[in-house]
N, C-alpha and C. Protein backbone atom coordinates (compact mmCIF):
# COMPACT_ATOMS: atom_id res chain seq x y z
N MET A 1 -31.90 -6.62 20.85
CA MET A 1 -30.74 -6.44 20.11
C MET A 1 -31.68 -6.96 18.52
N ASP A 2 -31.31 -6.56 17.10
CA ASP A 2 -32.08 -6.99 16.40
C ASP A 2 -31.33 -7.99 15.50
N GLN A 3 -31.90 -8.63 14.48
CA GLN A 3 -31.70 -9.88 14.01
C GLN A 3 -30.00 -9.78 13.26
N GLU A 4 -29.78 -8.22 12.89
CA GLU A 4 -28.57 -8.41 12.20
C GLU A 4 -27.49 -8.23 13.02
N GLU A 5 -27.68 -7.80 14.26
CA GLU A 5 -26.85 -7.62 15.54
C GLU A 5 -26.36 -9.11 15.84
N LYS A 6 -27.72 -10.06 15.93
CA LYS A 6 -27.56 -11.61 16.45
C LYS A 6 -26.56 -12.06 15.64
N ASP A 7 -26.82 -11.80 14.41
CA ASP A 7 -26.29 -12.62 12.98
C ASP A 7 -24.42 -12.21 13.31
N ASP A 8 -24.25 -11.05 13.66
CA ASP A 8 -23.15 -10.26 13.67
C ASP A 8 -22.29 -10.95 14.70
N LEU A 9 -22.66 -11.29 16.02
CA LEU A 9 -22.44 -12.07 17.17
C LEU A 9 -22.22 -13.41 16.75
N GLN A 10 -23.12 -13.88 15.84
CA GLN A 10 -23.16 -15.37 15.68
C GLN A 10 -21.59 -15.67 15.07
N GLY A 11 -21.12 -14.53 13.91
CA GLY A 11 -20.13 -15.03 13.37
C GLY A 11 -18.79 -14.51 14.03
N THR A 12 -18.46 -13.93 15.59
CA THR A 12 -18.10 -13.30 15.89
C THR A 12 -17.04 -14.32 16.84
N ASN A 13 -15.67 -14.21 16.51
CA ASN A 13 -14.72 -14.95 17.14
C ASN A 13 -14.40 -15.03 18.71
N THR A 14 -15.01 -15.79 19.28
CA THR A 14 -14.95 -15.69 20.95
C THR A 14 -13.55 -15.62 21.35
N THR A 15 -12.55 -16.20 21.02
CA THR A 15 -11.05 -16.23 21.20
C THR A 15 -10.40 -14.31 20.84
N LEU A 16 -10.87 -13.78 20.29
CA LEU A 16 -10.53 -12.69 20.03
C LEU A 16 -10.46 -11.89 21.20
N SER A 17 -9.89 -10.79 21.44
CA SER A 17 -10.15 -9.78 22.63
C SER A 17 -10.88 -8.52 22.06
N SER A 18 -11.75 -8.20 23.16
CA SER A 18 -12.43 -6.90 22.34
C SER A 18 -12.13 -5.94 21.99
N THR A 19 -10.56 -5.61 22.49
CA THR A 19 -9.46 -4.58 22.06
C THR A 19 -9.33 -4.85 20.40
N ILE A 20 -8.66 -6.21 20.19
CA ILE A 20 -8.74 -6.58 18.75
C ILE A 20 -9.94 -6.22 17.76
N GLU A 21 -10.99 -6.88 18.35
CA GLU A 21 -12.19 -6.68 17.59
C GLU A 21 -12.51 -5.19 17.18
N ARG A 22 -12.55 -4.38 18.41
CA ARG A 22 -12.56 -2.88 18.20
C ARG A 22 -11.64 -1.95 17.08
N TYR A 23 -10.36 -2.64 17.13
CA TYR A 23 -9.33 -2.41 16.11
C TYR A 23 -9.87 -2.63 14.53
N ILE A 24 -10.30 -4.03 14.72
CA ILE A 24 -10.68 -4.67 13.18
C ILE A 24 -11.99 -3.69 12.61
N ARG A 25 -12.82 -3.31 13.66
CA ARG A 25 -14.00 -2.86 13.12
C ARG A 25 -13.22 -1.26 12.78
N THR A 26 -12.64 -0.65 13.64
CA THR A 26 -12.20 0.62 13.38
C THR A 26 -11.14 0.84 11.69
N ILE A 27 -10.56 -0.28 11.11
CA ILE A 27 -9.81 -0.17 10.26
C ILE A 27 -10.78 -0.63 8.88
N ILE A 28 -11.93 -1.40 9.07
CA ILE A 28 -13.06 -1.52 8.49
C ILE A 28 -13.71 -0.19 8.13
N SER A 29 -14.21 1.01 9.31
CA SER A 29 -14.78 1.75 9.03
C SER A 29 -14.15 2.77 8.44
N LEU A 30 -12.77 2.79 8.63
CA LEU A 30 -11.74 3.88 7.94
C LEU A 30 -11.86 3.52 6.42
N ARG A 31 -11.50 2.27 6.02
CA ARG A 31 -11.76 1.92 4.70
C ARG A 31 -13.03 2.32 4.00
N LEU A 32 -14.15 2.14 4.59
CA LEU A 32 -15.73 2.50 4.16
C LEU A 32 -15.70 3.79 3.83
N LYS A 33 -14.80 4.90 5.09
CA LYS A 33 -15.12 6.03 5.01
C LYS A 33 -14.32 6.56 3.64
N ALA A 34 -13.28 5.95 3.52
CA ALA A 34 -12.47 6.84 2.58
C ALA A 34 -13.14 6.23 1.30
N ALA A 35 -13.69 5.34 0.90
CA ALA A 35 -14.37 5.06 0.00
C ALA A 35 -15.70 5.91 -0.61
N ARG A 36 -16.22 5.80 0.44
CA ARG A 36 -17.48 7.06 0.62
C ARG A 36 -17.05 8.51 0.24
N GLU A 37 -15.62 8.95 0.89
CA GLU A 37 -15.29 10.23 0.31
C GLU A 37 -14.53 10.37 -1.60
N ARG A 38 -14.35 9.21 -2.13
CA ARG A 38 -14.08 9.33 -2.99
C ARG A 38 -15.03 10.15 -4.32
N THR A 39 -14.31 11.22 -5.13
CA THR A 39 -15.49 11.97 -5.90
C THR A 39 -15.84 11.41 -7.08
N ARG A 40 -16.90 12.00 -7.77
CA ARG A 40 -17.41 11.44 -8.88
C ARG A 40 -16.46 10.77 -9.61
N GLN A 41 -15.28 11.41 -10.27
CA GLN A 41 -14.05 10.98 -11.20
C GLN A 41 -13.62 10.00 -10.45
N GLU A 42 -13.42 10.25 -9.48
CA GLU A 42 -12.57 8.74 -8.64
C GLU A 42 -13.16 7.65 -8.72
N ARG A 43 -14.41 7.53 -8.57
CA ARG A 43 -15.43 6.63 -8.43
C ARG A 43 -15.47 5.88 -9.83
N ILE A 44 -15.51 6.82 -10.94
CA ILE A 44 -15.55 6.35 -12.59
C ILE A 44 -14.47 5.50 -12.76
N ALA A 45 -13.49 6.20 -12.54
CA ALA A 45 -11.88 5.84 -12.76
C ALA A 45 -12.00 4.43 -11.87
N ASP A 46 -12.29 4.24 -10.77
CA ASP A 46 -11.83 2.97 -9.90
C ASP A 46 -13.02 1.90 -10.77
N ALA A 47 -13.99 2.09 -11.58
CA ALA A 47 -14.96 0.88 -11.72
C ALA A 47 -14.23 0.63 -13.19
N ILE A 48 -13.73 1.72 -13.91
CA ILE A 48 -13.26 1.27 -15.19
C ILE A 48 -12.15 0.81 -14.80
N THR A 49 -11.35 1.03 -13.68
CA THR A 49 -10.07 0.04 -13.58
C THR A 49 -10.15 -1.29 -13.20
N GLY A 50 -11.41 -1.84 -12.40
CA GLY A 50 -11.95 -2.48 -11.66
C GLY A 50 -12.39 -3.52 -12.82
N PHE A 51 -13.07 -2.92 -13.56
CA PHE A 51 -13.89 -3.92 -14.81
C PHE A 51 -12.28 -4.34 -15.94
N SER A 52 -11.71 -3.13 -16.20
CA SER A 52 -10.38 -3.95 -16.95
C SER A 52 -9.59 -4.75 -16.33
N GLY A 53 -9.41 -5.02 -14.95
CA GLY A 53 -8.61 -5.86 -14.38
C GLY A 53 -9.41 -7.23 -14.15
N HIS A 54 -10.54 -7.32 -15.00
CA HIS A 54 -10.79 -8.86 -14.68
C HIS A 54 -11.10 -9.67 -16.19
N MET A 55 -11.04 -11.01 -16.21
CA MET A 55 -10.85 -11.49 -17.23
C MET A 55 -12.01 -11.40 -18.14
N LEU A 56 -13.32 -10.85 -17.63
CA LEU A 56 -14.51 -10.57 -18.60
C LEU A 56 -14.02 -9.18 -19.42
N PHE A 57 -13.06 -8.88 -19.22
CA PHE A 57 -12.80 -7.57 -19.82
C PHE A 57 -11.84 -8.12 -21.25
N VAL A 58 -11.00 -9.26 -20.94
CA VAL A 58 -9.99 -9.84 -22.31
C VAL A 58 -11.28 -10.60 -23.22
N TYR A 59 -12.39 -11.05 -22.21
CA TYR A 59 -12.82 -12.06 -23.06
C TYR A 59 -13.77 -11.03 -24.17
N ALA A 60 -14.36 -9.85 -23.79
CA ALA A 60 -14.91 -9.10 -24.73
C ALA A 60 -14.28 -8.38 -25.32
N HIS A 61 -12.77 -8.33 -25.29
CA HIS A 61 -12.14 -8.03 -26.46
C HIS A 61 -11.91 -9.13 -27.22
N ILE A 62 -11.46 -10.12 -27.27
CA ILE A 62 -11.46 -11.33 -27.60
C ILE A 62 -12.69 -11.46 -28.79
N ALA A 63 -13.92 -11.25 -27.90
CA ALA A 63 -14.78 -11.32 -28.86
C ALA A 63 -14.92 -10.18 -30.16
N TRP A 64 -14.84 -8.88 -29.69
CA TRP A 64 -14.52 -7.58 -30.44
C TRP A 64 -13.91 -7.99 -31.30
N PHE A 65 -12.79 -8.01 -31.44
CA PHE A 65 -11.89 -8.27 -32.45
C PHE A 65 -11.94 -9.56 -33.14
N THR A 66 -12.58 -10.52 -32.63
CA THR A 66 -12.80 -11.69 -33.97
C THR A 66 -13.75 -11.44 -34.46
N ILE A 67 -14.88 -10.50 -33.98
CA ILE A 67 -15.89 -10.00 -34.93
C ILE A 67 -15.83 -9.22 -35.79
N TRP A 68 -14.70 -8.06 -35.35
CA TRP A 68 -13.97 -7.25 -36.26
C TRP A 68 -13.37 -7.75 -37.53
N LEU A 69 -12.64 -8.73 -37.21
CA LEU A 69 -12.02 -9.02 -38.54
C LEU A 69 -12.69 -10.02 -39.03
N VAL A 70 -13.74 -10.79 -38.68
CA VAL A 70 -14.32 -11.25 -39.69
C VAL A 70 -15.46 -10.62 -40.44
N LEU A 71 -15.73 -9.68 -39.90
CA LEU A 71 -16.58 -8.93 -40.59
C LEU A 71 -16.00 -8.21 -41.95
N ASN A 72 -14.27 -7.84 -41.59
CA ASN A 72 -13.51 -6.99 -42.41
C ASN A 72 -12.76 -7.96 -43.57
N THR A 73 -12.97 -8.96 -43.30
CA THR A 73 -12.19 -9.98 -44.41
C THR A 73 -13.47 -10.13 -45.57
N GLY A 74 -14.57 -9.70 -45.81
CA GLY A 74 -15.52 -9.89 -46.57
C GLY A 74 -15.97 -11.05 -46.91
N HIS A 75 -15.52 -12.20 -46.38
CA HIS A 75 -16.31 -13.43 -46.44
C HIS A 75 -17.64 -13.83 -46.33
N LEU A 76 -18.28 -12.77 -45.45
CA LEU A 76 -19.59 -13.01 -45.12
C LEU A 76 -20.57 -12.29 -46.37
N GLY A 77 -19.77 -11.77 -47.53
CA GLY A 77 -20.69 -11.12 -47.81
C GLY A 77 -21.24 -9.62 -47.77
N ILE A 78 -20.46 -9.33 -46.57
CA ILE A 78 -20.66 -7.60 -46.33
C ILE A 78 -19.08 -7.11 -46.91
N ARG A 79 -19.39 -5.70 -47.41
CA ARG A 79 -18.57 -4.87 -47.74
C ARG A 79 -17.80 -4.57 -46.48
N PRO A 80 -16.36 -4.79 -46.45
CA PRO A 80 -15.41 -4.46 -45.27
C PRO A 80 -15.45 -2.63 -44.88
N PHE A 81 -15.86 -2.78 -44.06
CA PHE A 81 -15.81 -1.21 -43.46
C PHE A 81 -14.16 -0.59 -42.79
N ASP A 82 -13.31 -1.68 -42.52
CA ASP A 82 -12.14 -1.33 -42.08
C ASP A 82 -11.10 -2.73 -42.71
N PRO A 83 -10.82 -2.57 -44.02
CA PRO A 83 -10.10 -3.29 -44.60
C PRO A 83 -8.64 -3.61 -43.83
N PHE A 84 -8.12 -4.69 -43.84
CA PHE A 84 -6.74 -5.18 -43.76
C PHE A 84 -5.82 -3.66 -44.26
N PRO A 85 -5.10 -3.47 -43.33
CA PRO A 85 -4.58 -3.30 -42.22
C PRO A 85 -5.14 -2.74 -40.84
N TYR A 86 -6.69 -2.63 -41.21
CA TYR A 86 -7.51 -2.11 -39.82
C TYR A 86 -6.94 -0.76 -39.14
N GLY A 87 -6.72 0.17 -40.04
CA GLY A 87 -6.79 1.41 -39.46
C GLY A 87 -7.31 1.87 -38.24
N LEU A 88 -8.91 1.58 -38.90
CA LEU A 88 -9.82 2.40 -37.56
C LEU A 88 -10.18 1.57 -36.34
N LEU A 89 -9.47 0.08 -36.05
CA LEU A 89 -9.63 -0.59 -35.05
C LEU A 89 -8.40 -0.26 -34.29
N THR A 90 -7.02 0.09 -35.41
CA THR A 90 -5.79 0.52 -34.70
C THR A 90 -6.01 1.96 -33.84
N MET A 91 -6.88 2.63 -34.50
CA MET A 91 -6.73 4.03 -33.98
C MET A 91 -7.76 4.03 -32.59
N ILE A 92 -9.11 2.86 -32.70
CA ILE A 92 -9.73 2.62 -31.60
C ILE A 92 -9.03 2.49 -30.61
N VAL A 93 -8.55 1.09 -30.49
CA VAL A 93 -7.61 0.55 -29.81
C VAL A 93 -6.54 1.35 -28.87
N SER A 94 -5.88 2.31 -29.73
CA SER A 94 -5.08 3.09 -29.38
C SER A 94 -5.45 3.94 -28.38
N LEU A 95 -6.61 4.58 -28.83
CA LEU A 95 -7.36 5.45 -27.99
C LEU A 95 -7.62 4.72 -26.56
N GLU A 96 -8.18 3.63 -26.68
CA GLU A 96 -8.86 3.02 -25.42
C GLU A 96 -7.61 2.60 -24.47
N ALA A 97 -6.24 2.44 -24.89
CA ALA A 97 -5.15 2.33 -24.49
C ALA A 97 -4.79 3.39 -23.57
N ILE A 98 -4.90 4.65 -23.92
CA ILE A 98 -4.34 6.01 -23.67
C ILE A 98 -5.73 6.42 -22.39
N PHE A 99 -6.85 6.17 -22.74
CA PHE A 99 -7.88 6.21 -21.74
C PHE A 99 -7.59 5.37 -20.35
N LEU A 100 -7.56 4.01 -20.97
CA LEU A 100 -7.28 2.93 -19.74
C LEU A 100 -6.21 3.15 -19.16
N SER A 101 -4.87 3.71 -19.29
CA SER A 101 -3.86 3.97 -18.64
C SER A 101 -3.95 5.20 -18.00
N THR A 102 -4.69 6.43 -18.39
CA THR A 102 -5.04 7.38 -17.50
C THR A 102 -5.80 7.10 -16.34
N PHE A 103 -7.03 6.39 -16.41
CA PHE A 103 -7.83 5.65 -15.12
C PHE A 103 -6.94 4.60 -14.35
N VAL A 104 -6.27 3.98 -14.81
CA VAL A 104 -5.40 3.38 -13.94
C VAL A 104 -4.35 4.48 -13.09
N LEU A 105 -3.82 5.17 -13.88
CA LEU A 105 -3.32 6.06 -12.98
C LEU A 105 -4.25 7.11 -11.84
N ILE A 106 -4.73 7.33 -12.29
CA ILE A 106 -6.03 7.98 -11.24
C ILE A 106 -6.05 7.25 -10.21
N SER A 107 -6.27 5.82 -10.14
CA SER A 107 -6.62 5.15 -9.00
C SER A 107 -5.66 4.96 -8.42
N GLN A 108 -4.51 4.69 -9.33
CA GLN A 108 -3.14 4.61 -8.17
C GLN A 108 -3.02 5.58 -7.53
N ASN A 109 -3.03 7.01 -7.89
CA ASN A 109 -2.53 8.10 -7.23
C ASN A 109 -3.40 8.30 -5.82
N ARG A 110 -4.75 7.80 -6.09
CA ARG A 110 -5.47 7.97 -4.94
C ARG A 110 -5.45 6.71 -4.15
N MET A 111 -4.77 5.73 -4.48
CA MET A 111 -4.65 4.43 -3.29
C MET A 111 -2.96 4.81 -2.79
N SER A 112 -1.94 5.64 -3.49
CA SER A 112 -0.99 6.10 -3.41
C SER A 112 -1.02 6.86 -1.86
N ALA A 113 -1.87 8.09 -2.32
CA ALA A 113 -2.68 8.92 -1.10
C ALA A 113 -2.77 8.07 -0.05
N GLN A 114 -3.58 7.29 0.14
CA GLN A 114 -4.09 6.46 1.14
C GLN A 114 -3.08 5.92 1.66
N ALA A 115 -1.97 5.28 1.05
CA ALA A 115 -1.19 4.17 1.60
C ALA A 115 0.12 5.76 2.64
N GLU A 116 -0.03 6.19 1.74
CA GLU A 116 0.93 7.64 2.46
C GLU A 116 0.30 7.85 4.06
N HIS A 117 -1.22 8.21 3.56
CA HIS A 117 -1.72 8.48 5.22
C HIS A 117 -1.53 7.27 6.27
N ARG A 118 -1.90 5.90 5.73
CA ARG A 118 -1.49 5.08 6.24
C ARG A 118 -0.33 5.04 6.86
N ALA A 119 0.40 5.01 6.30
CA ALA A 119 2.12 5.09 6.80
C ALA A 119 2.60 6.21 7.37
N ASP A 120 2.02 7.13 7.54
CA ASP A 120 2.03 8.53 8.65
C ASP A 120 1.77 7.77 9.68
N LEU A 121 0.61 7.28 10.16
CA LEU A 121 -0.38 6.68 10.74
C LEU A 121 0.45 5.61 11.83
N ASP A 122 0.92 4.97 10.80
CA ASP A 122 2.10 3.87 11.46
C ASP A 122 3.28 4.39 11.99
N LEU A 123 3.79 5.25 11.59
CA LEU A 123 4.81 6.06 11.91
C LEU A 123 4.40 6.71 13.22
N HIS A 124 3.44 7.03 13.07
CA HIS A 124 3.18 8.20 14.45
C HIS A 124 3.08 6.95 15.68
N ILE A 125 1.95 6.15 15.35
CA ILE A 125 2.00 4.93 16.54
C ILE A 125 2.97 4.02 17.04
N ASP A 126 3.86 4.30 16.07
CA ASP A 126 5.35 3.42 16.50
C ASP A 126 6.26 4.13 17.29
N LEU A 127 5.94 5.85 16.96
CA LEU A 127 6.90 6.62 17.54
C LEU A 127 6.33 6.40 19.08
N LEU A 128 5.05 6.75 19.35
CA LEU A 128 4.11 6.39 20.36
C LEU A 128 4.46 5.41 21.10
N ALA A 129 4.83 4.04 20.31
CA ALA A 129 4.79 2.86 21.34
C ALA A 129 6.12 3.04 22.00
N GLU A 130 7.33 3.57 20.82
CA GLU A 130 8.62 3.68 21.37
C GLU A 130 8.78 4.39 22.82
N TYR A 131 7.97 5.57 22.59
CA TYR A 131 8.05 6.27 23.94
C TYR A 131 7.36 6.31 24.87
N GLU A 132 6.41 5.23 25.09
CA GLU A 132 5.63 4.79 25.95
C GLU A 132 6.46 3.62 26.63
N LEU A 133 7.26 2.99 25.48
CA LEU A 133 8.11 1.65 26.25
C LEU A 133 9.27 2.31 27.05
N THR A 134 10.04 3.34 26.29
CA THR A 134 10.72 4.03 27.23
C THR A 134 10.46 4.31 28.32
N ARG A 135 9.39 5.24 28.68
CA ARG A 135 8.79 5.54 29.80
C ARG A 135 8.67 4.29 30.74
N VAL A 136 7.93 3.29 29.98
CA VAL A 136 7.85 2.35 31.25
C VAL A 136 9.13 1.64 31.86
N LEU A 137 10.11 1.77 31.03
CA LEU A 137 11.55 1.32 31.14
C LEU A 137 12.06 2.03 32.69
N GLN A 138 12.31 3.04 32.07
CA GLN A 138 12.46 4.22 33.05
C GLN A 138 11.55 4.08 34.40
N MET A 139 10.20 3.83 34.50
CA MET A 139 9.68 3.32 35.62
C MET A 139 10.01 2.36 36.37
N LEU A 140 9.95 1.36 35.81
CA LEU A 140 10.42 0.31 36.05
C LEU A 140 12.15 0.53 37.06
N ASP A 141 12.69 1.04 36.31
CA ASP A 141 14.09 1.36 37.08
C ASP A 141 13.75 2.14 38.21
N THR A 142 12.92 3.44 37.92
CA THR A 142 12.99 3.76 39.43
C THR A 142 12.20 3.09 40.36
N ILE A 143 11.32 2.07 40.04
CA ILE A 143 10.85 1.43 41.39
C ILE A 143 11.88 0.31 41.84
N GLN A 144 12.74 0.38 40.76
CA GLN A 144 13.91 -0.69 40.90
C GLN A 144 14.62 -0.12 42.24
N ASP A 145 14.82 1.36 41.77
CA ASP A 145 15.63 2.00 42.93
C ASP A 145 15.54 2.43 44.15
N ARG A 146 13.83 2.15 44.08
CA ARG A 146 13.11 2.99 45.58
C ARG A 146 12.78 1.39 46.14
N MET A 147 13.05 0.23 45.57
CA MET A 147 12.82 -0.48 46.42
C MET A 147 14.07 -1.33 47.05
N GLY A 148 15.31 -0.72 46.59
CA GLY A 148 16.56 -1.32 46.94
C GLY A 148 17.10 -2.15 46.48
N ILE A 149 16.70 -2.51 44.62
CA ILE A 149 17.25 -3.75 44.06
C ILE A 149 18.66 -3.10 43.54
N GLU A 150 19.07 -4.47 43.91
CA GLU A 150 20.75 -3.73 43.10
C GLU A 150 20.57 -3.84 41.80
N ASN A 151 20.99 -2.57 41.09
CA ASN A 151 21.01 -2.71 39.26
C ASN A 151 22.41 -2.97 38.91
N ALA A 152 21.79 -4.03 38.11
CA ALA A 152 23.34 -4.23 37.58
C ALA A 152 23.57 -3.22 36.42
N GLN A 153 24.48 -2.68 35.88
CA GLN A 153 25.43 -2.04 35.44
C GLN A 153 25.23 -2.73 33.39
N ASP A 154 23.84 -2.36 33.27
CA ASP A 154 23.57 -2.82 31.97
C ASP A 154 23.87 -1.92 31.09
N THR A 155 24.64 -1.96 29.93
CA THR A 155 24.87 -0.61 28.86
C THR A 155 23.54 -0.76 28.07
N GLU A 156 23.39 -1.80 27.40
CA GLU A 156 22.31 -2.23 26.70
C GLU A 156 20.87 -1.35 27.23
N LEU A 157 20.38 -1.82 28.60
CA LEU A 157 19.14 -1.42 29.04
C LEU A 157 19.51 0.36 29.54
N ALA A 158 20.76 0.65 29.80
CA ALA A 158 20.35 1.98 29.63
C ALA A 158 20.34 3.18 28.27
N GLU A 159 20.65 1.99 27.28
CA GLU A 159 20.75 2.82 25.81
C GLU A 159 19.11 2.66 25.59
N LEU A 160 18.40 1.89 26.10
CA LEU A 160 16.86 1.21 25.75
C LEU A 160 16.07 2.43 26.72
N GLU A 161 16.73 2.99 27.66
CA GLU A 161 16.20 3.76 28.54
C GLU A 161 15.99 5.35 28.20
N THR A 162 16.89 5.87 27.26
CA THR A 162 16.96 6.90 26.60
C THR A 162 15.90 6.84 25.43
N GLU A 163 15.53 8.15 25.25
CA GLU A 163 14.47 8.39 24.20
C GLU A 163 14.94 8.60 22.74
N THR A 164 14.26 7.79 21.67
CA THR A 164 14.94 7.76 20.51
C THR A 164 14.82 8.81 19.43
N ASN A 165 15.64 9.70 18.79
CA ASN A 165 15.18 10.67 18.00
C ASN A 165 15.12 10.05 16.69
N PRO A 166 13.94 9.99 16.11
CA PRO A 166 13.65 9.55 14.80
C PRO A 166 14.79 10.45 13.40
N GLU A 167 15.12 11.29 13.85
CA GLU A 167 15.84 12.36 12.89
C GLU A 167 17.41 11.58 12.92
N GLU A 168 18.13 11.37 13.81
CA GLU A 168 19.23 10.76 14.24
C GLU A 168 18.82 9.34 13.93
N VAL A 169 17.86 8.31 13.88
CA VAL A 169 17.61 7.12 13.46
C VAL A 169 18.06 7.29 11.69
N LEU A 170 17.21 7.91 11.22
CA LEU A 170 17.37 8.11 9.80
C LEU A 170 18.53 8.82 9.28
N ALA A 171 19.07 9.48 9.74
CA ALA A 171 20.54 9.81 9.47
C ALA A 171 21.74 8.92 9.48
N GLU A 172 21.35 7.59 10.91
CA GLU A 172 22.43 6.93 10.85
C GLU A 172 22.10 5.53 9.87
N ILE A 173 20.67 5.08 9.45
CA ILE A 173 20.35 4.69 8.11
C ILE A 173 21.23 5.07 6.94
N GLU A 174 20.85 6.30 6.58
CA GLU A 174 21.44 6.65 5.51
C GLU A 174 22.69 6.67 5.42
N ARG A 175 23.94 6.87 6.56
CA ARG A 175 25.03 7.00 6.85
C ARG A 175 25.87 5.45 6.54
N LEU A 176 25.06 4.75 6.88
CA LEU A 176 25.51 3.49 6.67
C LEU A 176 25.33 2.67 5.53
N GLN A 177 23.95 3.01 4.85
CA GLN A 177 23.77 2.66 3.62
C GLN A 177 24.66 3.23 2.93
N ARG A 178 24.81 4.48 2.67
CA ARG A 178 26.22 5.27 1.85
C ARG A 178 27.29 4.20 2.00
N ARG A 179 27.63 4.05 3.55
CA ARG A 179 28.82 3.26 3.63
C ARG A 179 29.09 1.56 2.82
N VAL A 180 27.97 1.08 2.74
CA VAL A 180 27.98 -0.17 2.61
C VAL A 180 27.76 -0.38 1.06
N LEU A 181 27.33 0.98 0.52
CA LEU A 181 26.95 0.80 -0.92
C LEU A 181 28.23 1.47 -1.46
N ARG A 182 29.42 2.25 -0.79
CA ARG A 182 30.32 2.81 -1.61
C ARG A 182 31.24 1.55 -1.88
N PRO A 183 31.74 1.85 -3.07
CA PRO A 183 33.01 0.71 -3.54
C PRO A 183 34.56 0.99 -2.69
N SER A 184 34.88 -0.13 -2.82
CA SER A 184 35.87 -0.32 -1.83
C SER A 184 37.06 0.30 -2.72
N ARG A 185 37.79 1.37 -1.92
CA ARG A 185 38.93 2.38 -2.73
C ARG A 185 40.05 1.55 -2.57
N SER A 186 40.19 0.60 -1.46
CA SER A 186 41.50 0.45 -1.13
C SER A 186 41.71 -0.98 -1.83
N SER A 187 41.03 -1.87 -2.38
CA SER A 187 41.00 -3.38 -3.29
C SER A 187 40.61 -2.74 -4.59
N GLY A 188 39.88 -1.72 -5.07
CA GLY A 188 39.63 -1.72 -6.14
C GLY A 188 38.08 -1.99 -6.72
N GLN A 189 37.60 -3.03 -6.04
CA GLN A 189 36.41 -3.62 -6.19
C GLN A 189 35.43 -3.42 -5.12
N GLY A 190 34.26 -3.84 -5.56
CA GLY A 190 33.08 -3.64 -4.58
C GLY A 190 31.95 -3.25 -5.44
N ARG A 191 31.00 -2.90 -4.60
CA ARG A 191 29.36 -2.76 -5.34
C ARG A 191 29.66 -1.76 -6.05
N ALA A 192 28.98 -1.28 -6.73
CA ALA A 192 29.16 0.31 -7.35
C ALA A 192 28.00 0.84 -6.76
N ASN A 193 28.27 1.92 -6.60
CA ASN A 193 27.66 3.06 -5.81
C ASN A 193 26.13 4.10 -6.92
N PRO A 194 24.66 3.28 -6.56
CA PRO A 194 24.01 3.62 -7.19
C PRO A 194 23.10 4.88 -6.60
N ALA A 195 23.99 5.54 -5.68
CA ALA A 195 22.79 6.71 -5.04
C ALA A 195 24.19 7.52 -4.73
N PRO A 196 24.28 8.78 -5.18
CA PRO A 196 25.66 9.93 -5.03
C PRO A 196 25.41 10.11 -3.61
N ASP A 197 26.74 10.41 -3.13
CA ASP A 197 27.06 10.52 -1.27
C ASP A 197 26.07 12.03 -1.23
């Protein structure tokens, strides 16, 4: 075992199970892989977006604007190259805003794609867990029947033992949302309906 592994183990929380630690390491490795797979343009956009999101960026602009304004007042004995109303400064700042907003959108699009990928993974795992729990309940019911244990007629348990169809759940959510958001026609009042039926 080398020194790096010893240092790594020394900082390990012994109360965590090895499974949780494995999941944490998997998440970290997936994030590092996604960071490595960025294109050169995405790296540049992320670097610019990262820098523009810090206070150093604000301080640099304060200093830049102050120097620009002082140089163009004519008080230092220097002939103003951009006199009031500072048309050149306005054009430069406008161009900077256009490029900065583009870089921010590039970074947001990449992060949005990653978030969608993670949401797909979450949905897949949730559906798999739901299927596994349904199978466990069905197996427990079968074991109970084979052991001759009296099975109380529990309708909720029977519903839990049936497999969930995601499309049906989504359709029911949409139906209930439309029903709740639909204005009450009988009383003539209620919430406005923001979404069409």
